[in-house]
N, C-alpha and C. Protein backbone atom coordinates (compact mmCIF):
# COMPACT_ATOMS: atom_id res chain seq x y z
N MET A 1 73.39 115.15 101.90
CA MET A 1 74.26 115.79 100.92
C MET A 1 72.90 116.71 100.22
N SER A 2 72.94 117.87 99.81
CA SER A 2 71.91 118.93 99.52
C SER A 2 72.11 118.92 97.81
N THR A 3 70.85 118.58 97.32
CA THR A 3 70.90 118.94 95.70
C THR A 3 71.05 120.20 95.39
N GLU A 4 71.07 121.28 96.14
CA GLU A 4 70.93 122.83 95.71
C GLU A 4 72.33 122.95 95.27
N LEU A 5 73.06 123.74 94.14
CA LEU A 5 73.93 124.04 93.65
C LEU A 5 74.41 125.35 94.25
N ARG A 6 75.29 125.49 94.83
CA ARG A 6 75.42 126.92 95.52
C ARG A 6 76.71 127.62 94.71
N LYS A 7 77.87 126.91 94.47
CA LYS A 7 79.10 127.27 94.18
C LYS A 7 79.74 126.86 92.73
N ARG A 8 80.41 127.33 92.35
CA ARG A 8 81.01 126.89 90.78
C ARG A 8 82.62 126.57 91.20
N VAL A 9 82.85 125.46 90.45
CA VAL A 9 84.28 125.14 90.31
C VAL A 9 84.65 125.13 89.10
N THR A 10 85.96 125.52 89.07
CA THR A 10 86.80 125.62 87.52
C THR A 10 87.36 124.35 87.46
N LEU A 11 87.35 123.33 86.18
CA LEU A 11 87.98 122.25 86.26
C LEU A 11 88.82 122.32 84.74
N ASP A 12 90.16 121.58 84.80
CA ASP A 12 90.74 121.86 83.44
C ASP A 12 90.08 120.77 82.67
N ARG A 13 90.15 120.67 81.33
CA ARG A 13 89.33 120.18 80.36
C ARG A 13 89.27 118.79 80.54
N ASN A 14 90.83 118.25 80.65
CA ASN A 14 90.59 116.84 80.63
C ASN A 14 89.93 116.32 81.90
N ALA A 15 89.75 117.01 83.36
CA ALA A 15 89.11 116.45 84.16
C ALA A 15 87.79 116.72 84.24
N HIS A 16 87.23 117.79 83.41
CA HIS A 16 85.95 118.15 82.83
C HIS A 16 85.34 116.93 82.35
N ARG A 17 86.00 116.33 81.20
CA ARG A 17 85.64 115.43 80.14
C ARG A 17 85.48 113.99 80.99
N LYS A 18 86.59 113.72 81.89
CA LYS A 18 86.26 112.59 82.57
C LYS A 18 85.26 112.58 83.65
N ALA A 19 84.83 113.55 84.13
CA ALA A 19 83.89 113.86 85.39
C ALA A 19 82.32 113.57 84.67
N GLU A 20 82.23 114.31 83.43
CA GLU A 20 81.03 114.01 82.57
C GLU A 20 80.80 112.79 82.19
N ALA A 21 81.76 111.99 81.60
CA ALA A 21 81.93 110.72 81.37
C ALA A 21 81.54 109.69 82.73
N ALA A 22 82.07 109.96 83.65
CA ALA A 22 82.18 108.90 84.87
C ALA A 22 80.67 109.24 85.45
N ALA A 23 79.96 110.64 85.29
CA ALA A 23 78.57 110.91 85.81
C ALA A 23 77.43 110.02 84.78
N ALA A 24 77.69 110.52 83.74
CA ALA A 24 76.99 109.82 82.66
C ALA A 24 76.73 108.44 82.85
N ALA A 25 77.88 107.56 83.26
CA ALA A 25 77.94 106.11 83.50
C ALA A 25 77.22 105.77 84.61
N VAL A 26 77.39 106.62 85.50
CA VAL A 26 76.45 106.08 86.76
C VAL A 26 74.76 106.90 86.86
N GLY A 27 74.65 107.55 85.77
CA GLY A 27 73.07 108.23 85.45
C GLY A 27 73.08 109.41 86.61
N ALA A 28 73.99 110.08 86.68
CA ALA A 28 74.08 111.28 87.48
C ALA A 28 74.20 112.62 86.55
N SER A 29 73.77 113.77 87.43
CA SER A 29 74.57 114.88 86.94
C SER A 29 75.79 115.33 87.28
N LEU A 30 76.22 116.11 86.26
CA LEU A 30 77.90 116.76 86.55
C LEU A 30 78.03 117.15 88.28
N GLY A 31 77.13 117.95 88.45
CA GLY A 31 76.88 118.46 89.98
C GLY A 31 76.73 117.64 90.81
N GLU A 32 75.73 116.53 90.68
CA GLU A 32 75.43 115.21 91.80
C GLU A 32 76.78 114.35 91.66
N TYR A 33 77.34 114.39 90.72
CA TYR A 33 78.51 113.33 90.62
C TYR A 33 79.66 114.07 91.55
N ALA A 34 79.87 115.36 91.28
CA ALA A 34 80.84 116.08 91.54
C ALA A 34 80.72 116.36 93.13
N SER A 35 79.71 116.54 93.68
CA SER A 35 79.20 116.73 95.00
C SER A 35 79.31 115.43 95.69
N ALA A 36 78.94 114.30 95.04
CA ALA A 36 78.99 113.09 95.79
C ALA A 36 80.60 112.53 95.76
N ALA A 37 81.49 112.83 94.83
CA ALA A 37 82.87 112.65 94.78
C ALA A 37 83.74 113.51 96.04
N VAL A 38 83.19 114.68 96.28
CA VAL A 38 83.89 115.66 97.40
C VAL A 38 83.31 114.90 98.82
N GLU A 39 82.11 114.47 98.92
CA GLU A 39 81.39 113.97 100.10
C GLU A 39 82.39 112.84 100.32
N TYR A 40 82.61 111.91 99.43
CA TYR A 40 83.30 110.87 99.58
C TYR A 40 84.47 111.04 100.14
N PHE A 41 85.44 111.79 99.56
CA PHE A 41 86.83 111.93 100.02
C PHE A 41 86.84 112.75 101.13
N ALA A 42 85.99 113.89 101.33
CA ALA A 42 85.96 114.33 102.82
C ALA A 42 85.66 113.60 103.92
N THR A 43 84.50 112.74 103.89
CA THR A 43 84.44 111.81 105.01
C THR A 43 85.20 110.85 105.47
N ARG A 44 85.95 110.42 104.22
CA ARG A 44 87.17 109.56 104.47
C ARG A 44 88.34 109.96 104.99
N GLY A 45 88.60 111.36 105.10
CA GLY A 45 89.67 112.00 105.31
C GLY A 45 90.91 111.74 104.02
N LEU A 46 90.59 111.53 102.83
CA LEU A 46 91.25 111.03 101.64
C LEU A 46 91.80 112.38 100.91
N ASP A 47 92.75 112.38 100.75
CA ASP A 47 93.59 113.55 99.53
C ASP A 47 93.33 112.58 98.23
N PRO A 48 92.71 113.10 97.13
CA PRO A 48 92.53 112.56 96.06
C PRO A 48 93.93 112.66 95.25
N ARG A 49 94.74 113.62 95.60
CA ARG A 49 95.87 113.87 94.73
C ARG A 49 96.82 112.96 95.24
N GLU A 50 96.75 112.07 96.42
CA GLU A 50 97.62 111.01 96.95
C GLU A 50 96.72 109.89 97.35
N THR A 51 95.98 109.45 96.13
CA THR A 51 95.37 108.07 96.14
C THR A 51 95.98 107.01 96.44
N GLU A 52 97.49 106.69 95.57
CA GLU A 52 98.19 105.83 95.55
C GLU A 52 98.88 105.60 96.77
N ALA A 53 99.48 106.87 97.52
CA ALA A 53 100.45 106.84 98.54
C ALA A 53 99.34 106.31 99.69
N ARG A 54 98.17 106.63 99.81
CA ARG A 54 96.90 106.51 100.65
C ARG A 54 96.67 104.72 100.73
N GLU A 55 96.46 104.40 99.40
CA GLU A 55 96.41 103.22 99.52
C GLU A 55 97.21 102.55 99.78
N GLY A 56 98.40 102.55 99.88
CA GLY A 56 99.71 101.86 100.46
C GLY A 56 99.75 101.85 101.66
N GLN A 57 99.32 103.19 102.19
CA GLN A 57 99.47 103.37 103.71
C GLN A 57 98.33 102.45 104.46
N LEU A 58 96.95 102.28 103.68
CA LEU A 58 95.80 101.46 104.17
C LEU A 58 96.25 100.09 104.17
N ILE A 59 96.91 99.61 102.77
CA ILE A 59 97.64 98.38 102.76
C ILE A 59 98.55 97.88 103.71
N MET A 60 99.55 98.68 104.24
CA MET A 60 100.45 98.66 105.15
C MET A 60 99.64 98.41 106.55
N GLN A 61 98.77 99.21 106.79
CA GLN A 61 97.84 99.07 107.86
C GLN A 61 97.19 97.40 107.98
N GLN A 62 96.71 97.27 107.00
CA GLN A 62 96.14 96.05 107.35
C GLN A 62 96.80 94.93 107.44
N ILE A 63 98.09 95.05 106.54
CA ILE A 63 99.14 94.03 106.50
C ILE A 63 99.75 93.78 108.09
N LYS A 64 99.91 94.96 108.65
CA LYS A 64 100.15 95.08 110.22
C LYS A 64 99.19 94.42 111.20
N LYS A 65 97.96 94.84 110.80
CA LYS A 65 96.80 94.26 111.64
C LYS A 65 96.72 92.66 111.43
N LEU A 66 96.78 92.22 110.23
CA LEU A 66 96.80 91.03 109.98
C LEU A 66 98.22 90.13 110.57
N GLY A 67 99.32 90.77 110.53
CA GLY A 67 100.56 90.31 111.23
C GLY A 67 100.24 90.01 112.67
N ASP A 68 99.73 91.08 113.39
CA ASP A 68 99.46 91.32 115.04
C ASP A 68 98.40 89.92 114.93
N ARG A 69 97.45 89.62 114.35
CA ARG A 69 96.43 88.40 114.56
C ARG A 69 97.23 87.17 114.28
N VAL A 70 98.23 86.83 113.35
CA VAL A 70 99.11 86.06 113.08
C VAL A 70 99.85 85.24 114.30
N PHE A 71 100.48 86.71 114.87
CA PHE A 71 101.27 86.66 116.17
C PHE A 71 100.32 86.24 117.18
N GLY A 72 99.55 86.89 117.23
CA GLY A 72 98.49 86.49 118.52
C GLY A 72 97.98 85.19 118.38
N PHE A 73 97.65 84.64 117.25
CA PHE A 73 97.39 83.33 117.13
C PHE A 73 98.47 82.19 117.59
N MET A 74 99.57 82.58 117.18
CA MET A 74 100.93 81.53 117.56
C MET A 74 101.24 81.58 118.81
N GLN A 75 101.06 82.84 119.60
CA GLN A 75 101.22 82.97 121.03
C GLN A 75 100.27 82.05 121.52
N GLU A 76 99.12 82.06 121.11
CA GLU A 76 97.88 81.23 121.72
C GLU A 76 98.18 80.05 121.95
N GLN A 77 98.65 79.40 120.53
CA GLN A 77 99.05 77.99 120.17
C GLN A 77 100.14 77.90 121.31
N GLU A 78 101.15 78.55 121.32
CA GLU A 78 102.28 78.24 122.05
C GLU A 78 101.97 77.81 123.81
N ARG A 79 100.78 78.94 124.02
CA ARG A 79 100.06 78.92 125.53
C ARG A 79 99.31 77.54 125.81
N THR A 80 98.76 77.27 124.69
CA THR A 80 97.93 76.13 124.90
C THR A 80 98.44 74.60 124.37
N LEU A 81 98.28 74.83 122.90
CA LEU A 81 98.96 73.35 122.18
C LEU A 81 100.17 72.94 122.59
N LEU A 82 101.19 74.02 122.28
CA LEU A 82 102.64 73.71 122.31
C LEU A 82 102.82 73.46 123.58
N THR A 83 102.63 74.25 124.51
CA THR A 83 103.02 73.83 125.91
C THR A 83 102.37 72.32 126.42
N ALA A 84 101.20 72.16 126.28
CA ALA A 84 100.66 70.84 126.57
C ALA A 84 101.50 69.84 126.00
N MET A 85 101.89 69.98 124.77
CA MET A 85 102.56 68.97 123.86
C MET A 85 104.07 68.92 124.51
N LEU A 86 104.83 69.80 124.93
CA LEU A 86 105.73 69.65 125.57
C LEU A 86 105.68 69.27 127.05
N GLU A 87 104.83 69.67 127.68
CA GLU A 87 104.78 68.78 128.89
C GLU A 87 104.56 67.25 128.88
N GLU A 88 103.62 66.85 128.07
CA GLU A 88 103.66 65.53 127.73
C GLU A 88 104.92 64.74 127.01
N MET A 89 105.45 65.56 126.26
CA MET A 89 106.69 64.76 125.81
C MET A 89 107.73 64.68 127.03
N LEU A 90 107.90 65.70 127.78
CA LEU A 90 108.84 65.65 129.10
C LEU A 90 108.33 64.64 129.85
N ARG A 91 107.00 64.36 130.34
CA ARG A 91 106.49 63.31 131.32
C ARG A 91 106.99 61.98 130.64
N THR A 92 106.73 61.89 129.29
CA THR A 92 107.08 60.66 128.58
C THR A 92 108.37 60.34 128.52
N ARG A 93 109.44 60.94 128.31
CA ARG A 93 110.89 61.20 128.61
C ARG A 93 111.08 60.72 129.87
N ILE A 94 110.84 61.17 131.02
CA ILE A 94 111.16 61.32 132.03
C ILE A 94 110.76 59.55 132.61
N THR A 95 109.32 59.37 132.19
CA THR A 95 108.90 58.01 132.55
C THR A 95 109.74 57.12 131.91
N LEU A 96 109.98 57.07 130.65
CA LEU A 96 110.88 56.19 129.89
C LEU A 96 112.11 55.95 130.68
N GLU A 97 112.77 56.90 130.87
CA GLU A 97 114.32 56.90 131.69
C GLU A 97 114.04 56.15 133.20
N ARG A 98 112.87 56.19 133.53
CA ARG A 98 112.78 55.69 135.05
C ARG A 98 112.70 54.41 134.58
N VAL A 99 111.75 53.91 133.54
CA VAL A 99 111.15 52.63 133.45
C VAL A 99 112.56 51.68 132.89
N LEU A 100 113.72 52.45 131.84
CA LEU A 100 114.77 52.01 131.68
C LEU A 100 115.88 51.49 133.08
N ARG A 101 115.68 52.61 133.90
CA ARG A 101 116.52 52.52 135.14
C ARG A 101 115.78 51.10 135.79
N LEU A 102 114.61 51.06 136.14
CA LEU A 102 114.06 49.70 136.68
C LEU A 102 113.95 48.58 135.93
N ASN A 103 114.22 48.62 134.59
CA ASN A 103 114.42 47.72 133.90
C ASN A 103 115.98 46.81 133.92
N GLU A 104 116.89 47.89 134.22
CA GLU A 104 118.35 47.62 134.61
C GLU A 104 118.49 46.81 135.79
N ILE A 105 117.79 47.05 136.70
CA ILE A 105 117.76 46.78 138.23
C ILE A 105 117.09 45.22 138.03
N LEU A 106 115.81 45.12 137.23
CA LEU A 106 115.23 43.98 137.26
C LEU A 106 116.11 42.82 136.57
N VAL A 107 116.76 43.21 135.55
CA VAL A 107 117.54 42.37 134.66
C VAL A 107 118.73 41.66 135.31
N GLY A 108 119.16 42.83 136.21
CA GLY A 108 120.31 42.20 137.02
C GLY A 108 119.60 41.44 138.24
N ASN A 109 118.63 41.41 139.02
CA ASN A 109 118.07 40.54 139.74
C ASN A 109 117.64 39.41 139.01
N LEU A 110 117.13 39.41 137.76
CA LEU A 110 116.75 38.41 136.96
C LEU A 110 117.85 37.38 136.60
N ASN A 111 118.86 37.93 136.20
CA ASN A 111 120.20 37.04 135.85
C ASN A 111 120.63 36.23 137.32
N THR A 112 120.33 37.08 138.39
CA THR A 112 120.81 36.26 139.55
C THR A 112 119.85 35.00 139.90
N GLN A 113 118.49 35.35 139.45
CA GLN A 113 117.94 34.30 139.74
C GLN A 113 118.02 32.90 139.22
N LEU A 114 118.28 33.42 137.62
CA LEU A 114 118.07 32.35 136.54
C LEU A 114 119.28 31.25 136.53
N GLU A 115 120.55 32.01 137.37
CA GLU A 115 121.38 31.02 137.78
C GLU A 115 120.97 29.95 138.60
N THR A 116 120.37 29.92 139.45
CA THR A 116 119.68 29.01 140.28
C THR A 116 118.66 27.78 139.77
N LEU A 117 117.95 28.12 138.55
CA LEU A 117 117.14 27.55 137.94
C LEU A 117 117.61 26.34 137.16
N SER A 118 117.15 25.23 136.93
CA SER A 118 117.21 23.83 136.00
C SER A 118 116.87 24.36 134.67
N GLN A 119 117.45 23.49 133.63
CA GLN A 119 117.29 23.68 132.33
C GLN A 119 115.53 23.84 131.69
N ALA A 120 114.84 22.95 132.67
CA ALA A 120 113.56 22.81 132.40
C ALA A 120 112.74 23.97 132.81
N GLN A 121 113.00 24.52 133.82
CA GLN A 121 112.62 25.89 134.39
C GLN A 121 113.20 26.77 133.69
N LEU A 122 114.12 26.65 133.09
CA LEU A 122 114.32 27.81 132.31
C LEU A 122 113.68 27.96 130.88
N GLN A 123 113.33 26.65 130.24
CA GLN A 123 112.61 26.69 128.87
C GLN A 123 111.11 27.29 129.49
N ARG A 124 110.65 26.71 130.52
CA ARG A 124 109.12 27.43 130.94
C ARG A 124 108.98 28.96 130.80
N GLN A 125 110.48 29.33 131.46
CA GLN A 125 110.37 30.69 131.52
C GLN A 125 110.43 31.62 130.18
N LEU A 126 110.99 30.98 129.32
CA LEU A 126 111.54 31.57 127.90
C LEU A 126 110.10 31.41 127.33
N GLN A 127 109.43 30.31 127.46
CA GLN A 127 108.02 30.09 126.51
C GLN A 127 107.13 31.27 126.97
N ALA A 128 106.88 31.53 128.48
CA ALA A 128 106.20 32.38 129.12
C ALA A 128 106.30 33.82 128.44
N LEU A 129 107.88 34.14 128.35
CA LEU A 129 108.14 35.41 127.92
C LEU A 129 108.00 35.65 126.49
N GLN A 130 108.05 34.50 125.80
CA GLN A 130 107.93 34.41 123.97
C GLN A 130 106.08 34.70 124.29
N MET A 131 105.46 34.41 125.10
CA MET A 131 103.87 35.02 124.86
C MET A 131 103.66 36.11 125.58
N LEU A 132 104.19 36.29 126.53
CA LEU A 132 104.09 37.84 126.84
C LEU A 132 104.60 39.01 125.80
N ARG A 133 105.54 38.78 125.24
CA ARG A 133 105.77 39.76 124.05
C ARG A 133 104.78 40.31 123.13
N PRO A 134 104.00 39.35 122.32
CA PRO A 134 102.77 39.55 121.46
C PRO A 134 101.59 40.19 122.15
N ARG A 135 101.44 39.97 123.73
CA ARG A 135 100.34 40.60 124.23
C ARG A 135 100.41 42.05 124.55
N ASN A 136 101.72 41.89 124.99
CA ASN A 136 102.46 43.57 125.17
C ASN A 136 102.22 44.53 124.31
N GLU A 137 102.66 43.74 123.05
CA GLU A 137 102.54 44.87 121.59
C GLU A 137 101.02 44.98 121.11
N GLU A 138 100.29 43.97 121.64
CA GLU A 138 98.92 44.26 121.14
C GLU A 138 98.27 45.06 122.30
N ALA A 139 98.53 45.29 123.46
CA ALA A 139 98.05 46.48 124.64
C ALA A 139 98.55 47.57 123.72
N VAL A 140 99.81 48.06 123.40
CA VAL A 140 100.48 48.92 123.30
C VAL A 140 99.43 49.56 122.07
N ASP A 141 99.39 48.77 120.93
CA ASP A 141 98.59 48.95 119.66
C ASP A 141 97.26 49.24 119.93
N LYS A 142 96.64 48.86 121.14
CA LYS A 142 95.23 49.13 121.32
C LYS A 142 95.29 50.49 121.85
N GLN A 143 96.23 50.75 122.76
CA GLN A 143 96.45 52.03 123.43
C GLN A 143 96.71 53.20 122.58
N VAL A 144 97.27 52.95 121.74
CA VAL A 144 97.71 54.13 120.51
C VAL A 144 96.46 54.22 119.76
N LYS A 145 95.96 53.34 119.33
CA LYS A 145 94.63 53.34 118.78
C LYS A 145 93.68 53.88 119.48
N GLU A 146 93.18 53.91 120.63
CA GLU A 146 92.53 54.54 121.60
C GLU A 146 92.65 56.14 121.87
N ALA A 147 93.76 56.15 121.96
CA ALA A 147 94.61 57.74 122.00
C ALA A 147 94.32 58.56 120.67
N LEU A 148 94.57 57.91 119.49
CA LEU A 148 94.19 58.37 118.22
C LEU A 148 92.86 58.82 118.03
N LYS A 149 91.93 57.77 118.56
CA LYS A 149 90.48 57.94 118.21
C LYS A 149 89.93 59.06 119.29
N THR A 150 90.44 59.26 120.25
CA THR A 150 90.15 60.22 121.27
C THR A 150 90.62 61.75 120.73
N ALA A 151 91.57 61.65 120.21
CA ALA A 151 92.30 63.01 119.61
C ALA A 151 91.41 63.09 118.17
N GLN A 152 91.01 62.27 117.75
CA GLN A 152 90.09 62.71 116.69
C GLN A 152 89.05 63.17 116.80
N ASN A 153 88.23 62.71 117.90
CA ASN A 153 87.20 63.12 118.26
C ASN A 153 86.95 64.46 118.69
N ALA A 154 87.92 64.71 119.64
CA ALA A 154 88.23 66.05 120.42
C ALA A 154 88.37 67.01 118.91
N GLY A 155 88.99 66.73 117.84
CA GLY A 155 89.19 67.56 116.88
C GLY A 155 90.62 68.40 117.21
N LEU A 156 91.09 68.85 116.00
CA LEU A 156 92.30 69.57 115.81
C LEU A 156 91.70 71.29 116.58
N GLY A 157 92.52 72.06 117.17
CA GLY A 157 92.25 73.29 117.63
C GLY A 157 90.97 73.34 118.75
N LYS A 158 90.46 72.45 118.96
CA LYS A 158 89.56 72.38 120.12
C LYS A 158 90.01 72.15 121.33
N ARG A 159 89.48 73.18 122.34
CA ARG A 159 90.02 73.05 123.77
C ARG A 159 89.30 71.83 124.37
N SER A 160 89.95 71.32 125.29
CA SER A 160 89.37 70.46 126.07
C SER A 160 90.16 70.42 127.33
N LYS A 161 89.28 70.17 128.57
CA LYS A 161 89.56 69.99 129.90
C LYS A 161 90.87 69.24 129.92
N PRO A 162 91.84 69.46 130.96
CA PRO A 162 93.00 68.53 131.20
C PRO A 162 92.46 67.04 131.75
N ASP A 163 91.36 66.90 132.27
CA ASP A 163 91.12 65.58 132.90
C ASP A 163 90.52 64.83 131.73
N GLU A 164 89.90 65.52 130.70
CA GLU A 164 89.43 64.73 129.63
C GLU A 164 90.49 64.09 128.63
N ALA A 165 91.53 64.73 128.78
CA ALA A 165 92.76 64.49 127.47
C ALA A 165 93.36 63.36 128.36
N ALA A 166 93.54 63.29 129.72
CA ALA A 166 94.18 62.28 130.32
C ALA A 166 93.18 60.84 130.23
N THR A 167 92.07 60.92 130.01
CA THR A 167 91.24 59.78 130.41
C THR A 167 91.78 58.65 129.40
N GLY A 168 91.86 57.65 129.75
CA GLY A 168 92.55 56.18 129.09
C GLY A 168 94.13 56.26 128.96
N GLN A 169 94.71 57.02 129.60
CA GLN A 169 96.07 56.75 129.68
C GLN A 169 96.67 56.14 130.83
N GLY A 170 95.73 55.68 131.77
CA GLY A 170 96.30 54.99 132.71
C GLY A 170 96.30 53.62 132.84
N GLN A 171 96.13 53.08 131.55
CA GLN A 171 95.83 51.71 131.36
C GLN A 171 97.23 50.85 131.26
């Protein structure tokens, strides 16, 4: 910006008074201040008569950009985290259904075999079953704690390799 004044501009009294006050507030001459203001508006492509409309447009553009970023983030979550969660949920459900079907078959076979056992043999089987249940619950609790610990160590939002996520599940 050149400090040499070349042209004259006529302002209404109110604008001149405001320009002088604003220039004095920043320690500039009226000519320097007016030149800087013109440079500011010209380089940014702004129309000082439409500052509110322009600000609204800029705000809307920023809102759109932010919305696009949020939508992109949600798509990324869907592709990574949510798809992996759905896959694991489906795997669990299918496994559970197969285990339940296998359980039905085993109960049928067990009932057939129990009919041939004596009372003493039935008592021993019942005691063994009663000891097995707490051990199974303990094993399930241990696996849940290990899985939660692994998830906490991995941290939320961190990507991990599929092989790392499966570690400890085959117990």
